[in-house]
Amino acid sequence: MNLNNRFRAWTKMITMCATFSATLLSSQAVEWSSLFDGTSFKGWEGNLRYFRIEDNAIVGGMTYAKIPRNQFLTTEKTYKNFELRLQFKLVGEATNAGVQIRTRRIPDHHEVIGYQADLGQHYTGCLYDESRRRRILAEPDREELAKVLKADDWNDYVIRCEGKRIQLWINGYQTVDYTEEDSSIEQDGVIAVQIHSGPAGEAWYRSIRIRELP
């Protein structure tokens, strides 16, 4: 192969690689879907007396009155295997909240049943079983979590559900790596954000996006 032919072949290979890389990056970008548009509750349902939209965030609860019972804002769509990313901020001294995954609403009731990526007090970063086994399934090293957790500020939550495995990260620190051993537990359901009953307080959620996995 002469020099000109080598140059053309090399140029073609570079072009093909660049095209493949661009296609791959584009494909990866398309995989992520926003669950919250920042301005409306489109795709969500719940008791809007306890949820509002402010500064492009979903806000659960209030700082001027107690929350009489747990409230959940749920997606209309169900999900099975996915990676969920969002930011959260808690306002108030004893605010309790969480992100529900693989969850169902209990008919004719304000409660839901399913896994919860917990938030607030000493529960932040735990995996809790809401209304079912009613216990913490896995929890982080609190000293390690305290090194990365930002009080009164925005924090990143990453939640990954794949098969029987559930993993949680807060600000890059993995708090939970849990594998479900009970075959009777449902492995799909809605996603929800919670404000727990109790003293006045607010749970803020924003930049909520999801990537569904095979």
N, C-alpha and C. Protein backbone atom coordinates (compact mmCIF):
# COMPACT_ATOMS: atom_id res chain seq x y z
N MET A 1 0.86 -1.19 0.00
CA MET A 1 0.00 0.00 0.00
C MET A 1 0.90 1.24 0.00
N ASN A 2 0.67 2.14 -1.00
CA ASN A 2 1.51 3.33 -1.04
C ASN A 2 1.09 4.32 0.04
N LEU A 3 1.86 5.42 0.16
CA LEU A 3 1.63 6.39 1.24
C LEU A 3 0.26 7.03 1.15
N ASN A 4 -0.19 7.38 -0.07
CA ASN A 4 -1.50 8.03 -0.23
C ASN A 4 -2.64 7.11 0.20
N ASN A 5 -2.51 5.82 -0.20
CA ASN A 5 -3.56 4.86 0.18
C ASN A 5 -3.58 4.64 1.69
N ARG A 6 -2.40 4.59 2.31
CA ARG A 6 -2.34 4.45 3.76
C ARG A 6 -2.98 5.64 4.46
N PHE A 7 -2.72 6.82 3.92
CA PHE A 7 -3.28 8.03 4.52
C PHE A 7 -4.81 8.02 4.42
N ARG A 8 -5.33 7.61 3.23
CA ARG A 8 -6.78 7.57 3.06
C ARG A 8 -7.42 6.53 3.99
N ALA A 9 -6.74 5.37 4.12
CA ALA A 9 -7.28 4.33 5.00
C ALA A 9 -7.26 4.79 6.45
N TRP A 10 -6.20 5.45 6.85
CA TRP A 10 -6.09 5.96 8.22
C TRP A 10 -7.15 7.02 8.49
N THR A 11 -7.34 7.92 7.51
CA THR A 11 -8.36 8.97 7.65
C THR A 11 -9.75 8.36 7.76
N LYS A 12 -10.03 7.31 6.96
CA LYS A 12 -11.33 6.65 7.00
C LYS A 12 -11.56 5.99 8.35
N MET A 13 -10.51 5.35 8.89
CA MET A 13 -10.63 4.69 10.19
C MET A 13 -10.91 5.70 11.29
N ILE A 14 -10.22 6.85 11.28
CA ILE A 14 -10.44 7.89 12.27
C ILE A 14 -11.87 8.41 12.20
N THR A 15 -12.35 8.61 10.96
CA THR A 15 -13.72 9.11 10.77
C THR A 15 -14.74 8.11 11.30
N MET A 16 -14.50 6.81 11.02
CA MET A 16 -15.42 5.78 11.51
C MET A 16 -15.43 5.73 13.03
N CYS A 17 -14.25 5.85 13.65
CA CYS A 17 -14.17 5.83 15.11
C CYS A 17 -14.88 7.02 15.72
N ALA A 18 -14.69 8.18 15.11
CA ALA A 18 -15.34 9.39 15.61
C ALA A 18 -16.85 9.29 15.49
N THR A 19 -17.31 8.73 14.37
CA THR A 19 -18.76 8.56 14.16
C THR A 19 -19.34 7.59 15.17
N PHE A 20 -18.61 6.47 15.40
CA PHE A 20 -19.06 5.48 16.39
C PHE A 20 -19.13 6.08 17.78
N SER A 21 -18.10 6.84 18.16
CA SER A 21 -18.07 7.46 19.48
C SER A 21 -19.21 8.44 19.66
N ALA A 22 -19.46 9.24 18.63
CA ALA A 22 -20.55 10.21 18.69
C ALA A 22 -21.89 9.51 18.82
N THR A 23 -22.05 8.41 18.05
CA THR A 23 -23.30 7.64 18.12
C THR A 23 -23.49 7.03 19.50
N LEU A 24 -22.39 6.48 20.06
CA LEU A 24 -22.46 5.87 21.38
C LEU A 24 -22.82 6.88 22.44
N LEU A 25 -22.18 8.05 22.40
CA LEU A 25 -22.47 9.09 23.38
C LEU A 25 -23.91 9.56 23.25
N SER A 26 -24.37 9.69 22.00
CA SER A 26 -25.75 10.11 21.77
C SER A 26 -26.72 9.09 22.32
N SER A 27 -26.41 7.79 22.09
CA SER A 27 -27.27 6.72 22.58
C SER A 27 -27.33 6.72 24.10
N GLN A 28 -26.17 6.94 24.74
CA GLN A 28 -26.14 6.97 26.19
C GLN A 28 -26.93 8.14 26.73
N ALA A 29 -26.85 9.28 26.03
CA ALA A 29 -27.56 10.47 26.48
C ALA A 29 -29.07 10.26 26.41
N VAL A 30 -29.52 9.58 25.35
CA VAL A 30 -30.95 9.37 25.15
C VAL A 30 -31.51 8.43 26.21
N GLU A 31 -30.68 7.55 26.78
CA GLU A 31 -31.15 6.58 27.75
C GLU A 31 -31.75 7.24 28.99
N TRP A 32 -31.29 8.42 29.35
CA TRP A 32 -31.77 9.11 30.55
C TRP A 32 -33.05 9.87 30.26
N SER A 33 -34.04 9.72 31.13
CA SER A 33 -35.31 10.43 30.99
C SER A 33 -35.58 11.22 32.26
N SER A 34 -36.08 12.44 32.10
CA SER A 34 -36.44 13.26 33.24
C SER A 34 -37.80 12.83 33.76
N LEU A 35 -37.91 12.63 35.07
CA LEU A 35 -39.20 12.28 35.68
C LEU A 35 -39.96 13.50 36.15
N PHE A 36 -39.28 14.63 36.26
CA PHE A 36 -39.90 15.85 36.77
C PHE A 36 -39.44 17.02 35.92
N ASP A 37 -40.42 17.75 35.33
CA ASP A 37 -40.06 18.82 34.40
C ASP A 37 -39.74 20.14 35.09
N GLY A 38 -39.85 20.19 36.41
CA GLY A 38 -39.49 21.39 37.15
C GLY A 38 -40.60 22.41 37.29
N THR A 39 -41.69 22.22 36.57
CA THR A 39 -42.76 23.22 36.60
C THR A 39 -44.16 22.64 36.82
N SER A 40 -44.32 21.33 36.68
CA SER A 40 -45.65 20.74 36.82
C SER A 40 -45.54 19.35 37.44
N PHE A 41 -46.71 18.81 37.85
CA PHE A 41 -46.76 17.46 38.40
C PHE A 41 -47.14 16.45 37.32
N LYS A 42 -46.85 16.76 36.07
CA LYS A 42 -47.15 15.84 34.98
C LYS A 42 -46.42 14.52 35.21
N GLY A 43 -47.18 13.41 35.18
CA GLY A 43 -46.60 12.09 35.40
C GLY A 43 -46.57 11.66 36.85
N TRP A 44 -47.09 12.52 37.74
CA TRP A 44 -47.10 12.23 39.18
C TRP A 44 -48.51 12.33 39.74
N GLU A 45 -48.76 11.68 40.85
CA GLU A 45 -50.06 11.82 41.52
C GLU A 45 -49.87 11.68 43.03
N GLY A 46 -50.73 12.43 43.77
CA GLY A 46 -50.65 12.41 45.23
C GLY A 46 -51.47 13.53 45.82
N ASN A 47 -51.39 13.69 47.13
CA ASN A 47 -52.14 14.71 47.85
C ASN A 47 -51.38 16.04 47.74
N LEU A 48 -51.85 16.92 46.89
CA LEU A 48 -51.13 18.17 46.62
C LEU A 48 -51.31 19.20 47.73
N ARG A 49 -52.02 18.86 48.77
CA ARG A 49 -52.03 19.72 49.96
C ARG A 49 -50.66 19.70 50.63
N TYR A 50 -49.91 18.62 50.40
CA TYR A 50 -48.63 18.46 51.08
C TYR A 50 -47.44 18.50 50.14
N PHE A 51 -47.69 18.75 48.87
CA PHE A 51 -46.61 18.87 47.90
C PHE A 51 -46.82 20.10 47.03
N ARG A 52 -45.74 20.79 46.75
CA ARG A 52 -45.79 21.95 45.87
C ARG A 52 -44.52 21.99 45.03
N ILE A 53 -44.49 22.91 44.07
CA ILE A 53 -43.30 23.10 43.24
C ILE A 53 -42.74 24.48 43.52
N GLU A 54 -41.46 24.53 43.84
CA GLU A 54 -40.79 25.79 44.14
C GLU A 54 -39.34 25.72 43.67
N ASP A 55 -38.91 26.73 42.94
CA ASP A 55 -37.52 26.79 42.45
C ASP A 55 -37.12 25.51 41.74
N ASN A 56 -38.00 25.04 40.85
CA ASN A 56 -37.74 23.84 40.04
C ASN A 56 -37.54 22.58 40.87
N ALA A 57 -38.15 22.54 42.04
CA ALA A 57 -38.05 21.37 42.92
C ALA A 57 -39.43 20.98 43.44
N ILE A 58 -39.60 19.69 43.71
CA ILE A 58 -40.78 19.21 44.43
C ILE A 58 -40.52 19.38 45.91
N VAL A 59 -41.43 20.04 46.60
CA VAL A 59 -41.27 20.28 48.03
C VAL A 59 -42.40 19.56 48.77
N GLY A 60 -42.03 18.66 49.66
CA GLY A 60 -43.01 17.96 50.48
C GLY A 60 -43.01 18.54 51.89
N GLY A 61 -44.21 18.79 52.42
CA GLY A 61 -44.32 19.31 53.78
C GLY A 61 -44.31 20.81 53.86
N MET A 62 -44.19 21.35 55.08
CA MET A 62 -44.19 22.79 55.30
C MET A 62 -43.47 23.09 56.61
N THR A 63 -42.99 24.29 56.75
CA THR A 63 -42.24 24.67 57.95
C THR A 63 -43.11 25.32 59.02
N TYR A 64 -44.40 25.50 58.75
CA TYR A 64 -45.27 26.21 59.67
C TYR A 64 -46.31 25.32 60.34
N ALA A 65 -46.34 24.03 60.01
CA ALA A 65 -47.35 23.15 60.61
C ALA A 65 -46.86 21.71 60.61
N LYS A 66 -47.33 20.94 61.57
CA LYS A 66 -46.99 19.53 61.64
C LYS A 66 -47.58 18.77 60.45
N ILE A 67 -46.96 17.66 60.12
CA ILE A 67 -47.48 16.78 59.07
C ILE A 67 -48.20 15.64 59.77
N PRO A 68 -49.53 15.56 59.66
CA PRO A 68 -50.30 14.60 60.45
C PRO A 68 -50.08 13.13 60.10
N ARG A 69 -49.76 12.85 58.83
CA ARG A 69 -49.51 11.45 58.44
C ARG A 69 -48.61 11.42 57.22
N ASN A 70 -48.03 10.26 56.97
CA ASN A 70 -47.13 10.13 55.82
C ASN A 70 -47.85 10.48 54.52
N GLN A 71 -47.12 11.18 53.66
CA GLN A 71 -47.67 11.53 52.35
C GLN A 71 -46.65 11.16 51.27
N PHE A 72 -47.18 10.67 50.13
CA PHE A 72 -46.33 10.21 49.05
C PHE A 72 -46.82 10.78 47.72
N LEU A 73 -45.89 11.28 46.94
CA LEU A 73 -46.16 11.70 45.57
C LEU A 73 -45.53 10.65 44.68
N THR A 74 -46.36 9.92 43.92
CA THR A 74 -45.88 8.77 43.17
C THR A 74 -45.92 9.01 41.66
N THR A 75 -45.05 8.30 40.95
CA THR A 75 -45.11 8.32 39.49
C THR A 75 -46.33 7.54 39.03
N GLU A 76 -46.84 7.90 37.87
CA GLU A 76 -47.95 7.15 37.29
C GLU A 76 -47.44 5.87 36.64
N LYS A 77 -46.21 5.88 36.23
CA LYS A 77 -45.60 4.73 35.54
C LYS A 77 -44.85 3.86 36.55
N THR A 78 -44.80 2.56 36.27
CA THR A 78 -44.04 1.63 37.11
C THR A 78 -42.69 1.33 36.45
N TYR A 79 -41.73 0.94 37.29
CA TYR A 79 -40.38 0.65 36.82
C TYR A 79 -39.87 -0.61 37.52
N LYS A 80 -38.97 -1.32 36.83
CA LYS A 80 -38.43 -2.57 37.36
C LYS A 80 -36.93 -2.46 37.60
N ASN A 81 -36.15 -2.48 36.54
CA ASN A 81 -34.69 -2.35 36.63
C ASN A 81 -34.29 -0.97 36.13
N PHE A 82 -33.55 -0.23 36.95
CA PHE A 82 -33.28 1.15 36.59
C PHE A 82 -32.17 1.74 37.46
N GLU A 83 -31.66 2.86 37.00
CA GLU A 83 -30.81 3.71 37.83
C GLU A 83 -31.51 5.06 37.94
N LEU A 84 -31.75 5.49 39.16
CA LEU A 84 -32.46 6.74 39.44
C LEU A 84 -31.48 7.72 40.07
N ARG A 85 -31.48 8.94 39.57
CA ARG A 85 -30.60 9.97 40.13
C ARG A 85 -31.44 11.21 40.46
N LEU A 86 -31.17 11.80 41.60
CA LEU A 86 -31.87 13.00 42.02
C LEU A 86 -31.04 13.74 43.05
N GLN A 87 -31.49 14.93 43.38
CA GLN A 87 -30.88 15.70 44.47
C GLN A 87 -31.95 15.95 45.53
N PHE A 88 -31.52 15.95 46.80
CA PHE A 88 -32.44 16.18 47.90
C PHE A 88 -31.85 17.19 48.88
N LYS A 89 -32.75 17.84 49.60
CA LYS A 89 -32.38 18.75 50.67
C LYS A 89 -33.47 18.71 51.73
N LEU A 90 -33.09 18.59 52.99
CA LEU A 90 -34.06 18.56 54.08
C LEU A 90 -34.01 19.85 54.87
N VAL A 91 -35.19 20.37 55.21
CA VAL A 91 -35.30 21.60 55.98
C VAL A 91 -36.04 21.29 57.27
N GLY A 92 -35.47 21.64 58.41
CA GLY A 92 -36.09 21.35 59.70
C GLY A 92 -35.21 20.43 60.53
N GLU A 93 -35.34 20.54 61.84
CA GLU A 93 -34.45 19.80 62.74
C GLU A 93 -34.72 18.30 62.77
N ALA A 94 -35.96 17.88 62.58
CA ALA A 94 -36.29 16.45 62.70
C ALA A 94 -37.06 15.95 61.49
N THR A 95 -36.80 16.54 60.32
CA THR A 95 -37.51 16.14 59.11
C THR A 95 -37.14 14.72 58.71
N ASN A 96 -38.16 13.96 58.33
CA ASN A 96 -37.97 12.58 57.88
C ASN A 96 -38.64 12.45 56.53
N ALA A 97 -37.98 11.76 55.62
CA ALA A 97 -38.52 11.63 54.26
C ALA A 97 -37.90 10.40 53.60
N GLY A 98 -38.04 10.30 52.28
CA GLY A 98 -37.44 9.17 51.59
C GLY A 98 -37.90 9.08 50.15
N VAL A 99 -37.24 8.21 49.41
CA VAL A 99 -37.57 7.95 48.00
C VAL A 99 -38.02 6.50 47.89
N GLN A 100 -39.27 6.30 47.51
CA GLN A 100 -39.81 4.95 47.36
C GLN A 100 -39.43 4.38 45.99
N ILE A 101 -39.09 3.10 45.98
CA ILE A 101 -38.81 2.39 44.74
C ILE A 101 -39.51 1.04 44.77
N ARG A 102 -39.87 0.53 43.59
CA ARG A 102 -40.58 -0.75 43.48
C ARG A 102 -41.71 -0.81 44.52
N THR A 103 -42.59 0.15 44.42
CA THR A 103 -43.60 0.41 45.45
C THR A 103 -45.00 0.37 44.86
N ARG A 104 -45.98 0.08 45.69
CA ARG A 104 -47.40 0.11 45.31
C ARG A 104 -48.17 0.96 46.31
N ARG A 105 -49.21 1.60 45.84
CA ARG A 105 -50.14 2.27 46.77
C ARG A 105 -51.04 1.23 47.40
N ILE A 106 -51.31 1.40 48.69
CA ILE A 106 -52.27 0.54 49.37
C ILE A 106 -53.67 1.07 49.06
N PRO A 107 -54.56 0.26 48.49
CA PRO A 107 -55.89 0.73 48.10
C PRO A 107 -56.64 1.41 49.24
N ASP A 108 -57.26 2.54 48.92
CA ASP A 108 -58.09 3.28 49.88
C ASP A 108 -57.31 3.66 51.14
N HIS A 109 -56.04 4.00 50.98
CA HIS A 109 -55.19 4.33 52.11
C HIS A 109 -54.15 5.37 51.67
N HIS A 110 -53.65 6.14 52.63
CA HIS A 110 -52.64 7.14 52.29
C HIS A 110 -51.25 6.53 52.19
N GLU A 111 -51.07 5.29 52.69
CA GLU A 111 -49.76 4.66 52.72
C GLU A 111 -49.43 3.92 51.43
N VAL A 112 -48.15 3.59 51.29
CA VAL A 112 -47.67 2.76 50.19
C VAL A 112 -46.91 1.58 50.78
N ILE A 113 -46.59 0.62 49.94
CA ILE A 113 -45.84 -0.55 50.38
C ILE A 113 -44.69 -0.79 49.41
N GLY A 114 -43.48 -0.90 49.93
CA GLY A 114 -42.33 -1.14 49.07
C GLY A 114 -41.04 -0.66 49.71
N TYR A 115 -39.97 -0.74 48.93
CA TYR A 115 -38.66 -0.31 49.41
C TYR A 115 -38.58 1.21 49.50
N GLN A 116 -37.81 1.70 50.46
CA GLN A 116 -37.57 3.13 50.57
C GLN A 116 -36.09 3.42 50.78
N ALA A 117 -35.56 4.30 49.94
CA ALA A 117 -34.22 4.85 50.16
C ALA A 117 -34.43 5.99 51.15
N ASP A 118 -34.09 5.75 52.40
CA ASP A 118 -34.50 6.61 53.50
C ASP A 118 -33.71 7.92 53.57
N LEU A 119 -34.35 8.90 54.22
CA LEU A 119 -33.76 10.22 54.41
C LEU A 119 -34.19 10.78 55.77
N GLY A 120 -33.29 11.49 56.42
CA GLY A 120 -33.63 12.22 57.62
C GLY A 120 -33.19 11.54 58.90
N GLN A 121 -32.87 12.38 59.89
CA GLN A 121 -32.45 11.91 61.20
C GLN A 121 -31.29 10.91 61.06
N HIS A 122 -31.36 9.78 61.76
CA HIS A 122 -30.28 8.80 61.64
C HIS A 122 -30.60 7.72 60.60
N TYR A 123 -31.62 7.96 59.76
CA TYR A 123 -32.02 6.98 58.76
C TYR A 123 -31.45 7.26 57.37
N THR A 124 -30.85 8.41 57.17
CA THR A 124 -30.36 8.78 55.85
C THR A 124 -29.42 7.71 55.29
N GLY A 125 -29.68 7.30 54.07
CA GLY A 125 -28.84 6.31 53.42
C GLY A 125 -29.23 4.88 53.67
N CYS A 126 -30.23 4.65 54.54
CA CYS A 126 -30.70 3.29 54.83
C CYS A 126 -31.66 2.82 53.75
N LEU A 127 -31.80 1.51 53.63
CA LEU A 127 -32.86 0.91 52.82
C LEU A 127 -33.90 0.36 53.79
N TYR A 128 -35.12 0.92 53.71
CA TYR A 128 -36.21 0.56 54.64
C TYR A 128 -37.32 -0.13 53.85
N ASP A 129 -38.05 -1.02 54.51
CA ASP A 129 -39.18 -1.70 53.88
C ASP A 129 -40.47 -1.10 54.42
N GLU A 130 -41.07 -0.20 53.65
CA GLU A 130 -42.24 0.57 54.06
C GLU A 130 -43.50 -0.28 54.05
N SER A 131 -44.21 -0.32 55.20
CA SER A 131 -45.53 -0.94 55.34
C SER A 131 -45.55 -2.44 55.06
N ARG A 132 -44.38 -3.06 54.93
CA ARG A 132 -44.33 -4.50 54.64
C ARG A 132 -43.62 -5.20 55.80
N ARG A 133 -42.33 -5.26 55.78
CA ARG A 133 -41.59 -5.82 56.92
C ARG A 133 -41.34 -4.76 57.99
N ARG A 134 -41.50 -3.49 57.60
CA ARG A 134 -41.39 -2.36 58.53
C ARG A 134 -40.07 -2.38 59.32
N ARG A 135 -39.00 -2.56 58.60
CA ARG A 135 -37.69 -2.55 59.25
C ARG A 135 -36.62 -2.13 58.27
N ILE A 136 -35.47 -1.73 58.82
CA ILE A 136 -34.32 -1.38 57.99
C ILE A 136 -33.70 -2.66 57.46
N LEU A 137 -33.52 -2.72 56.14
CA LEU A 137 -32.95 -3.90 55.50
C LEU A 137 -31.43 -3.83 55.40
N ALA A 138 -30.92 -2.62 55.27
CA ALA A 138 -29.47 -2.41 55.18
C ALA A 138 -29.20 -0.95 55.52
N GLU A 139 -28.01 -0.67 56.06
CA GLU A 139 -27.69 0.69 56.46
C GLU A 139 -26.21 0.98 56.30
N PRO A 140 -25.86 2.27 56.23
CA PRO A 140 -24.47 2.64 56.00
C PRO A 140 -23.65 2.74 57.28
N ASP A 141 -22.37 2.91 57.11
CA ASP A 141 -21.48 3.30 58.20
C ASP A 141 -21.72 4.78 58.45
N ARG A 142 -22.29 5.13 59.59
CA ARG A 142 -22.73 6.51 59.82
C ARG A 142 -21.55 7.49 59.88
N GLU A 143 -20.43 7.04 60.38
CA GLU A 143 -19.27 7.93 60.45
C GLU A 143 -18.76 8.27 59.05
N GLU A 144 -18.77 7.28 58.16
CA GLU A 144 -18.32 7.52 56.79
C GLU A 144 -19.32 8.40 56.04
N LEU A 145 -20.61 8.15 56.26
CA LEU A 145 -21.63 8.96 55.61
C LEU A 145 -21.54 10.42 56.05
N ALA A 146 -21.27 10.63 57.34
CA ALA A 146 -21.18 11.99 57.88
C ALA A 146 -20.08 12.80 57.20
N LYS A 147 -19.08 12.13 56.66
CA LYS A 147 -17.98 12.83 55.99
C LYS A 147 -18.40 13.47 54.67
N VAL A 148 -19.44 12.92 54.04
CA VAL A 148 -19.85 13.42 52.72
C VAL A 148 -21.21 14.12 52.73
N LEU A 149 -22.02 13.87 53.76
CA LEU A 149 -23.38 14.43 53.80
C LEU A 149 -23.35 15.92 54.09
N LYS A 150 -24.12 16.67 53.31
CA LYS A 150 -24.16 18.13 53.46
C LYS A 150 -25.50 18.53 54.10
N ALA A 151 -25.44 18.96 55.34
CA ALA A 151 -26.65 19.37 56.05
C ALA A 151 -27.14 20.70 55.50
N ASP A 152 -28.46 20.85 55.40
CA ASP A 152 -29.07 22.11 54.94
C ASP A 152 -28.61 22.50 53.55
N ASP A 153 -28.25 21.52 52.73
CA ASP A 153 -27.80 21.80 51.37
C ASP A 153 -28.20 20.63 50.47
N TRP A 154 -27.98 20.80 49.17
CA TRP A 154 -28.34 19.76 48.22
C TRP A 154 -27.34 18.62 48.25
N ASN A 155 -27.86 17.40 48.17
CA ASN A 155 -27.06 16.18 48.14
C ASN A 155 -27.51 15.32 46.96
N ASP A 156 -26.59 14.56 46.40
CA ASP A 156 -26.90 13.65 45.30
C ASP A 156 -27.27 12.27 45.82
N TYR A 157 -28.37 11.74 45.31
CA TYR A 157 -28.79 10.37 45.65
C TYR A 157 -28.80 9.55 44.36
N VAL A 158 -28.11 8.42 44.35
CA VAL A 158 -28.15 7.49 43.23
C VAL A 158 -28.73 6.18 43.74
N ILE A 159 -29.75 5.69 43.04
CA ILE A 159 -30.45 4.48 43.43
C ILE A 159 -30.46 3.53 42.24
N ARG A 160 -29.90 2.36 42.41
CA ARG A 160 -29.82 1.41 41.31
C ARG A 160 -30.50 0.10 41.70
N CYS A 161 -31.48 -0.31 40.90
CA CYS A 161 -32.20 -1.57 41.11
C CYS A 161 -31.98 -2.45 39.88
N GLU A 162 -31.40 -3.60 40.11
CA GLU A 162 -31.12 -4.52 39.00
C GLU A 162 -31.32 -5.94 39.50
N GLY A 163 -32.39 -6.58 39.03
CA GLY A 163 -32.73 -7.90 39.55
C GLY A 163 -33.06 -7.81 41.03
N LYS A 164 -32.48 -8.67 41.82
CA LYS A 164 -32.72 -8.69 43.26
C LYS A 164 -31.81 -7.72 44.02
N ARG A 165 -30.94 -7.04 43.30
CA ARG A 165 -29.93 -6.20 43.94
C ARG A 165 -30.34 -4.73 43.94
N ILE A 166 -30.21 -4.09 45.10
CA ILE A 166 -30.48 -2.66 45.25
C ILE A 166 -29.24 -1.99 45.84
N GLN A 167 -28.78 -0.94 45.19
CA GLN A 167 -27.61 -0.20 45.66
C GLN A 167 -27.95 1.27 45.80
N LEU A 168 -27.43 1.90 46.84
CA LEU A 168 -27.66 3.31 47.11
C LEU A 168 -26.33 4.03 47.28
N TRP A 169 -26.24 5.25 46.75
CA TRP A 169 -25.09 6.12 46.96
C TRP A 169 -25.56 7.52 47.33
N ILE A 170 -24.89 8.17 48.25
CA ILE A 170 -25.13 9.58 48.56
C ILE A 170 -23.81 10.32 48.39
N ASN A 171 -23.82 11.30 47.52
CA ASN A 171 -22.62 12.10 47.23
C ASN A 171 -21.41 11.21 46.94
N GLY A 172 -21.65 10.14 46.19
CA GLY A 172 -20.58 9.25 45.76
C GLY A 172 -20.21 8.15 46.74
N TYR A 173 -20.73 8.22 47.97
CA TYR A 173 -20.44 7.19 48.97
C TYR A 173 -21.55 6.13 48.94
N GLN A 174 -21.16 4.87 48.76
CA GLN A 174 -22.16 3.80 48.72
C GLN A 174 -22.63 3.48 50.13
N THR A 175 -23.93 3.67 50.35
CA THR A 175 -24.50 3.43 51.68
C THR A 175 -25.09 2.03 51.82
N VAL A 176 -25.54 1.45 50.68
CA VAL A 176 -26.22 0.15 50.73
C VAL A 176 -25.88 -0.67 49.49
N ASP A 177 -25.65 -1.95 49.70
CA ASP A 177 -25.58 -2.94 48.61
C ASP A 177 -26.34 -4.16 49.12
N TYR A 178 -27.61 -4.25 48.73
CA TYR A 178 -28.53 -5.22 49.31
C TYR A 178 -29.06 -6.17 48.23
N THR A 179 -29.10 -7.44 48.53
CA THR A 179 -29.70 -8.43 47.63
C THR A 179 -30.89 -9.07 48.33
N GLU A 180 -32.05 -8.99 47.69
CA GLU A 180 -33.29 -9.52 48.27
C GLU A 180 -33.28 -11.05 48.19
N GLU A 181 -33.51 -11.70 49.33
CA GLU A 181 -33.54 -13.15 49.39
C GLU A 181 -34.95 -13.73 49.37
N ASP A 182 -35.95 -12.88 49.63
CA ASP A 182 -37.34 -13.33 49.68
C ASP A 182 -37.92 -13.27 48.26
N SER A 183 -38.19 -14.42 47.68
CA SER A 183 -38.68 -14.48 46.29
C SER A 183 -40.11 -13.98 46.14
N SER A 184 -40.81 -13.79 47.25
CA SER A 184 -42.20 -13.32 47.17
C SER A 184 -42.30 -11.79 47.07
N ILE A 185 -41.18 -11.09 47.28
CA ILE A 185 -41.19 -9.63 47.24
C ILE A 185 -41.23 -9.14 45.80
N GLU A 186 -42.16 -8.21 45.51
CA GLU A 186 -42.29 -7.68 44.16
C GLU A 186 -41.04 -6.88 43.76
N GLN A 187 -40.66 -7.02 42.51
CA GLN A 187 -39.46 -6.36 42.01
C GLN A 187 -39.76 -5.30 40.96
N ASP A 188 -40.97 -4.75 41.01
CA ASP A 188 -41.30 -3.60 40.17
C ASP A 188 -42.34 -2.76 40.90
N GLY A 189 -42.58 -1.56 40.41
CA GLY A 189 -43.55 -0.67 41.04
C GLY A 189 -43.28 0.78 40.72
N VAL A 190 -43.99 1.66 41.38
CA VAL A 190 -43.83 3.10 41.14
C VAL A 190 -42.63 3.63 41.92
N ILE A 191 -42.24 4.84 41.57
CA ILE A 191 -41.26 5.61 42.32
C ILE A 191 -42.03 6.72 43.02
N ALA A 192 -41.63 7.06 44.23
CA ALA A 192 -42.34 8.11 44.97
C ALA A 192 -41.38 8.90 45.83
N VAL A 193 -41.75 10.13 46.13
CA VAL A 193 -41.03 10.93 47.12
C VAL A 193 -41.97 11.10 48.31
N GLN A 194 -41.39 11.10 49.50
CA GLN A 194 -42.18 11.10 50.73
C GLN A 194 -41.86 12.30 51.61
N ILE A 195 -42.88 12.73 52.35
CA ILE A 195 -42.68 13.56 53.54
C ILE A 195 -43.32 12.78 54.68
N HIS A 196 -42.55 12.51 55.70
CA HIS A 196 -43.01 11.67 56.81
C HIS A 196 -43.84 12.50 57.80
N SER A 197 -44.75 11.83 58.47
CA SER A 197 -45.52 12.50 59.52
C SER A 197 -44.58 12.96 60.62
N GLY A 198 -44.98 14.02 61.31
CA GLY A 198 -44.15 14.51 62.40
C GLY A 198 -44.11 16.03 62.46
N PRO A 199 -43.05 16.57 63.04
CA PRO A 199 -42.95 18.02 63.21
C PRO A 199 -42.84 18.74 61.88
N ALA A 200 -43.06 20.03 61.91
CA ALA A 200 -42.96 20.84 60.70
C ALA A 200 -41.59 20.66 60.06
N GLY A 201 -41.59 20.55 58.75
CA GLY A 201 -40.34 20.37 58.02
C GLY A 201 -40.63 20.17 56.55
N GLU A 202 -39.59 20.27 55.74
CA GLU A 202 -39.74 20.14 54.30
C GLU A 202 -38.67 19.21 53.73
N ALA A 203 -39.07 18.43 52.72
CA ALA A 203 -38.14 17.62 51.93
C ALA A 203 -38.19 18.14 50.50
N TRP A 204 -37.05 18.56 49.98
CA TRP A 204 -36.94 19.10 48.63
C TRP A 204 -36.29 18.07 47.72
N TYR A 205 -36.86 17.91 46.51
CA TYR A 205 -36.33 16.96 45.52
C TYR A 205 -36.26 17.67 44.16
N ARG A 206 -35.14 17.49 43.48
CA ARG A 206 -35.01 18.10 42.15
C ARG A 206 -34.10 17.24 41.27
N SER A 207 -34.02 17.64 39.99
CA SER A 207 -33.16 16.96 39.00
C SER A 207 -33.38 15.44 39.04
N ILE A 208 -34.65 15.05 38.98
CA ILE A 208 -35.01 13.63 39.08
C ILE A 208 -34.99 13.01 37.68
N ARG A 209 -34.08 12.06 37.47
CA ARG A 209 -34.00 11.42 36.16
C ARG A 209 -33.73 9.93 36.33
N ILE A 210 -34.09 9.18 35.27
CA ILE A 210 -34.01 7.73 35.37
C ILE A 210 -33.45 7.15 34.08
N ARG A 211 -32.74 6.06 34.22
CA ARG A 211 -32.25 5.27 33.08
C ARG A 211 -32.69 3.85 33.30
N GLU A 212 -33.59 3.36 32.45
CA GLU A 212 -34.08 2.01 32.60
C GLU A 212 -33.03 1.01 32.10
N LEU A 213 -32.89 -0.10 32.83
CA LEU A 213 -31.90 -1.11 32.52
C LEU A 213 -32.59 -2.34 31.92
N PRO A 214 -31.87 -3.12 31.14
CA PRO A 214 -32.47 -4.33 30.53
C PRO A 214 -32.98 -5.29 31.59
